[in-house]
Amino acid sequence: MKLAENLEVKQPALMYKVILPAAFPGIASGLHLAVGTAWIFLVAGEMVGAIGIGLPYY
């Protein structure tokens, strides 16, 4: 990032060429964990709230 600043790279280019690619592994990892957790809670909610034929039918 300091190299890009020394080369006087503009702010939008710095964001798209340096910062986002560097942050992507962390973002992808967090998304992976969040989707897995959401799926588990969805299934648990379906099991707890299932009366009769389940949640999709009120």
N, C-alpha and C. Protein backbone atom coordinates (compact mmCIF):
# COMPACT_ATOMS: atom_id res chain seq x y z
N MET A 1 0.83 -1.17 0.00
CA MET A 1 0.00 0.00 0.00
C MET A 1 0.88 1.25 0.00
N LYS A 2 1.95 1.20 0.75
CA LYS A 2 2.86 2.35 0.76
C LYS A 2 3.50 2.55 -0.61
N LEU A 3 3.79 1.44 -1.30
CA LEU A 3 4.34 1.55 -2.65
C LEU A 3 3.36 2.25 -3.58
N ALA A 4 2.09 1.86 -3.50
CA ALA A 4 1.07 2.49 -4.34
C ALA A 4 0.94 3.97 -4.01
N GLU A 5 1.04 4.31 -2.74
CA GLU A 5 0.97 5.72 -2.35
C GLU A 5 2.20 6.49 -2.86
N ASN A 6 3.37 5.84 -2.81
CA ASN A 6 4.58 6.49 -3.32
C ASN A 6 4.51 6.70 -4.83
N LEU A 7 3.83 5.79 -5.52
CA LEU A 7 3.67 5.92 -6.97
C LEU A 7 2.51 6.84 -7.32
N GLU A 8 1.90 7.43 -6.31
CA GLU A 8 0.80 8.38 -6.46
C GLU A 8 -0.38 7.78 -7.22
N VAL A 9 -0.76 6.57 -6.82
CA VAL A 9 -1.94 5.92 -7.39
C VAL A 9 -3.17 6.62 -6.84
N LYS A 10 -4.14 6.86 -7.70
CA LYS A 10 -5.36 7.55 -7.29
C LYS A 10 -6.16 6.68 -6.31
N GLN A 11 -7.00 7.32 -5.52
CA GLN A 11 -7.75 6.64 -4.46
C GLN A 11 -8.65 5.50 -4.98
N PRO A 12 -9.46 5.70 -6.04
CA PRO A 12 -10.29 4.58 -6.51
C PRO A 12 -9.46 3.40 -7.01
N ALA A 13 -8.38 3.68 -7.71
CA ALA A 13 -7.52 2.59 -8.19
C ALA A 13 -6.87 1.87 -7.02
N LEU A 14 -6.47 2.61 -6.00
CA LEU A 14 -5.89 2.00 -4.81
C LEU A 14 -6.89 1.05 -4.15
N MET A 15 -8.14 1.48 -4.10
CA MET A 15 -9.19 0.66 -3.49
C MET A 15 -9.40 -0.64 -4.26
N TYR A 16 -9.52 -0.54 -5.59
CA TYR A 16 -9.86 -1.71 -6.40
C TYR A 16 -8.67 -2.59 -6.73
N LYS A 17 -7.49 -2.04 -6.77
CA LYS A 17 -6.30 -2.80 -7.16
C LYS A 17 -5.49 -3.33 -5.98
N VAL A 18 -5.60 -2.69 -4.81
CA VAL A 18 -4.76 -3.08 -3.68
C VAL A 18 -5.59 -3.54 -2.49
N ILE A 19 -6.50 -2.71 -2.03
CA ILE A 19 -7.19 -2.97 -0.76
C ILE A 19 -8.17 -4.13 -0.88
N LEU A 20 -9.06 -4.10 -1.88
CA LEU A 20 -10.04 -5.18 -2.01
C LEU A 20 -9.42 -6.55 -2.27
N PRO A 21 -8.44 -6.69 -3.17
CA PRO A 21 -7.81 -8.00 -3.32
C PRO A 21 -7.14 -8.50 -2.05
N ALA A 22 -6.58 -7.58 -1.26
CA ALA A 22 -5.94 -7.99 0.00
C ALA A 22 -6.98 -8.41 1.03
N ALA A 23 -8.16 -7.81 1.00
CA ALA A 23 -9.20 -8.12 1.98
C ALA A 23 -10.05 -9.31 1.58
N PHE A 24 -10.00 -9.72 0.32
CA PHE A 24 -10.91 -10.76 -0.17
C PHE A 24 -10.82 -12.08 0.59
N PRO A 25 -9.64 -12.61 0.92
CA PRO A 25 -9.61 -13.88 1.67
C PRO A 25 -10.37 -13.82 2.99
N GLY A 26 -10.24 -12.73 3.72
CA GLY A 26 -10.98 -12.58 4.98
C GLY A 26 -12.47 -12.47 4.76
N ILE A 27 -12.86 -11.74 3.72
CA ILE A 27 -14.29 -11.60 3.40
C ILE A 27 -14.88 -12.94 3.01
N ALA A 28 -14.17 -13.69 2.17
CA ALA A 28 -14.66 -15.00 1.72
C ALA A 28 -14.76 -15.98 2.88
N SER A 29 -13.80 -15.95 3.78
CA SER A 29 -13.82 -16.83 4.95
C SER A 29 -15.00 -16.51 5.86
N GLY A 30 -15.23 -15.23 6.10
CA GLY A 30 -16.37 -14.83 6.93
C GLY A 30 -17.70 -15.20 6.30
N LEU A 31 -17.79 -15.04 4.99
CA LEU A 31 -19.02 -15.41 4.28
C LEU A 31 -19.26 -16.91 4.36
N HIS A 32 -18.19 -17.68 4.23
CA HIS A 32 -18.30 -19.13 4.32
C HIS A 32 -18.83 -19.56 5.69
N LEU A 33 -18.29 -18.98 6.74
CA LEU A 33 -18.75 -19.30 8.09
C LEU A 33 -20.18 -18.83 8.32
N ALA A 34 -20.52 -17.66 7.82
CA ALA A 34 -21.87 -17.11 8.03
C ALA A 34 -22.93 -17.94 7.32
N VAL A 35 -22.65 -18.39 6.11
CA VAL A 35 -23.63 -19.19 5.37
C VAL A 35 -23.83 -20.53 6.05
N GLY A 36 -22.75 -21.15 6.52
CA GLY A 36 -22.88 -22.42 7.24
C GLY A 36 -23.69 -22.29 8.51
N THR A 37 -23.42 -21.24 9.27
CA THR A 37 -24.15 -21.01 10.51
C THR A 37 -25.62 -20.70 10.23
N ALA A 38 -25.88 -19.90 9.22
CA ALA A 38 -27.26 -19.57 8.86
C ALA A 38 -28.04 -20.82 8.47
N TRP A 39 -27.38 -21.72 7.75
CA TRP A 39 -28.05 -22.96 7.34
C TRP A 39 -28.41 -23.81 8.56
N ILE A 40 -27.50 -23.90 9.52
CA ILE A 40 -27.76 -24.67 10.74
C ILE A 40 -28.94 -24.08 11.50
N PHE A 41 -28.97 -22.76 11.66
CA PHE A 41 -30.08 -22.12 12.37
C PHE A 41 -31.39 -22.23 11.60
N LEU A 42 -31.33 -22.23 10.29
CA LEU A 42 -32.53 -22.41 9.49
C LEU A 42 -33.14 -23.79 9.73
N VAL A 43 -32.31 -24.81 9.70
CA VAL A 43 -32.79 -26.17 9.93
C VAL A 43 -33.32 -26.31 11.36
N ALA A 44 -32.61 -25.75 12.33
CA ALA A 44 -33.07 -25.81 13.72
C ALA A 44 -34.40 -25.09 13.89
N GLY A 45 -34.56 -23.95 13.25
CA GLY A 45 -35.83 -23.21 13.31
C GLY A 45 -36.97 -23.97 12.68
N GLU A 46 -36.69 -24.66 11.59
CA GLU A 46 -37.72 -25.48 10.95
C GLU A 46 -38.15 -26.62 11.88
N MET A 47 -37.19 -27.22 12.57
CA MET A 47 -37.52 -28.33 13.46
C MET A 47 -38.30 -27.86 14.69
N VAL A 48 -37.91 -26.74 15.25
CA VAL A 48 -38.58 -26.23 16.45
C VAL A 48 -39.96 -25.70 16.12
N GLY A 49 -40.08 -24.99 15.02
CA GLY A 49 -41.34 -24.34 14.68
C GLY A 49 -42.28 -25.18 13.85
N ALA A 50 -41.92 -26.41 13.57
CA ALA A 50 -42.74 -27.23 12.69
C ALA A 50 -43.98 -27.71 13.44
N ILE A 51 -45.13 -27.21 13.01
CA ILE A 51 -46.41 -27.67 13.54
C ILE A 51 -47.19 -28.19 12.35
N GLY A 52 -47.59 -29.40 12.40
CA GLY A 52 -48.30 -29.96 11.25
C GLY A 52 -47.33 -30.28 10.13
N ILE A 53 -47.45 -29.54 9.02
CA ILE A 53 -46.58 -29.84 7.88
C ILE A 53 -45.39 -28.90 7.78
N GLY A 54 -45.15 -28.05 8.76
CA GLY A 54 -43.94 -27.23 8.77
C GLY A 54 -44.18 -25.75 8.56
N LEU A 55 -43.10 -24.99 8.49
CA LEU A 55 -43.17 -23.54 8.41
C LEU A 55 -43.67 -22.99 7.08
N PRO A 56 -43.35 -23.58 5.93
CA PRO A 56 -43.77 -22.93 4.69
C PRO A 56 -45.28 -22.79 4.54
N TYR A 57 -46.05 -23.60 5.25
CA TYR A 57 -47.51 -23.55 5.15
C TYR A 57 -48.06 -23.09 6.50
N TYR A 58 -48.71 -21.93 6.53
CA TYR A 58 -49.18 -21.39 7.80
C TYR A 58 -50.52 -21.97 8.15
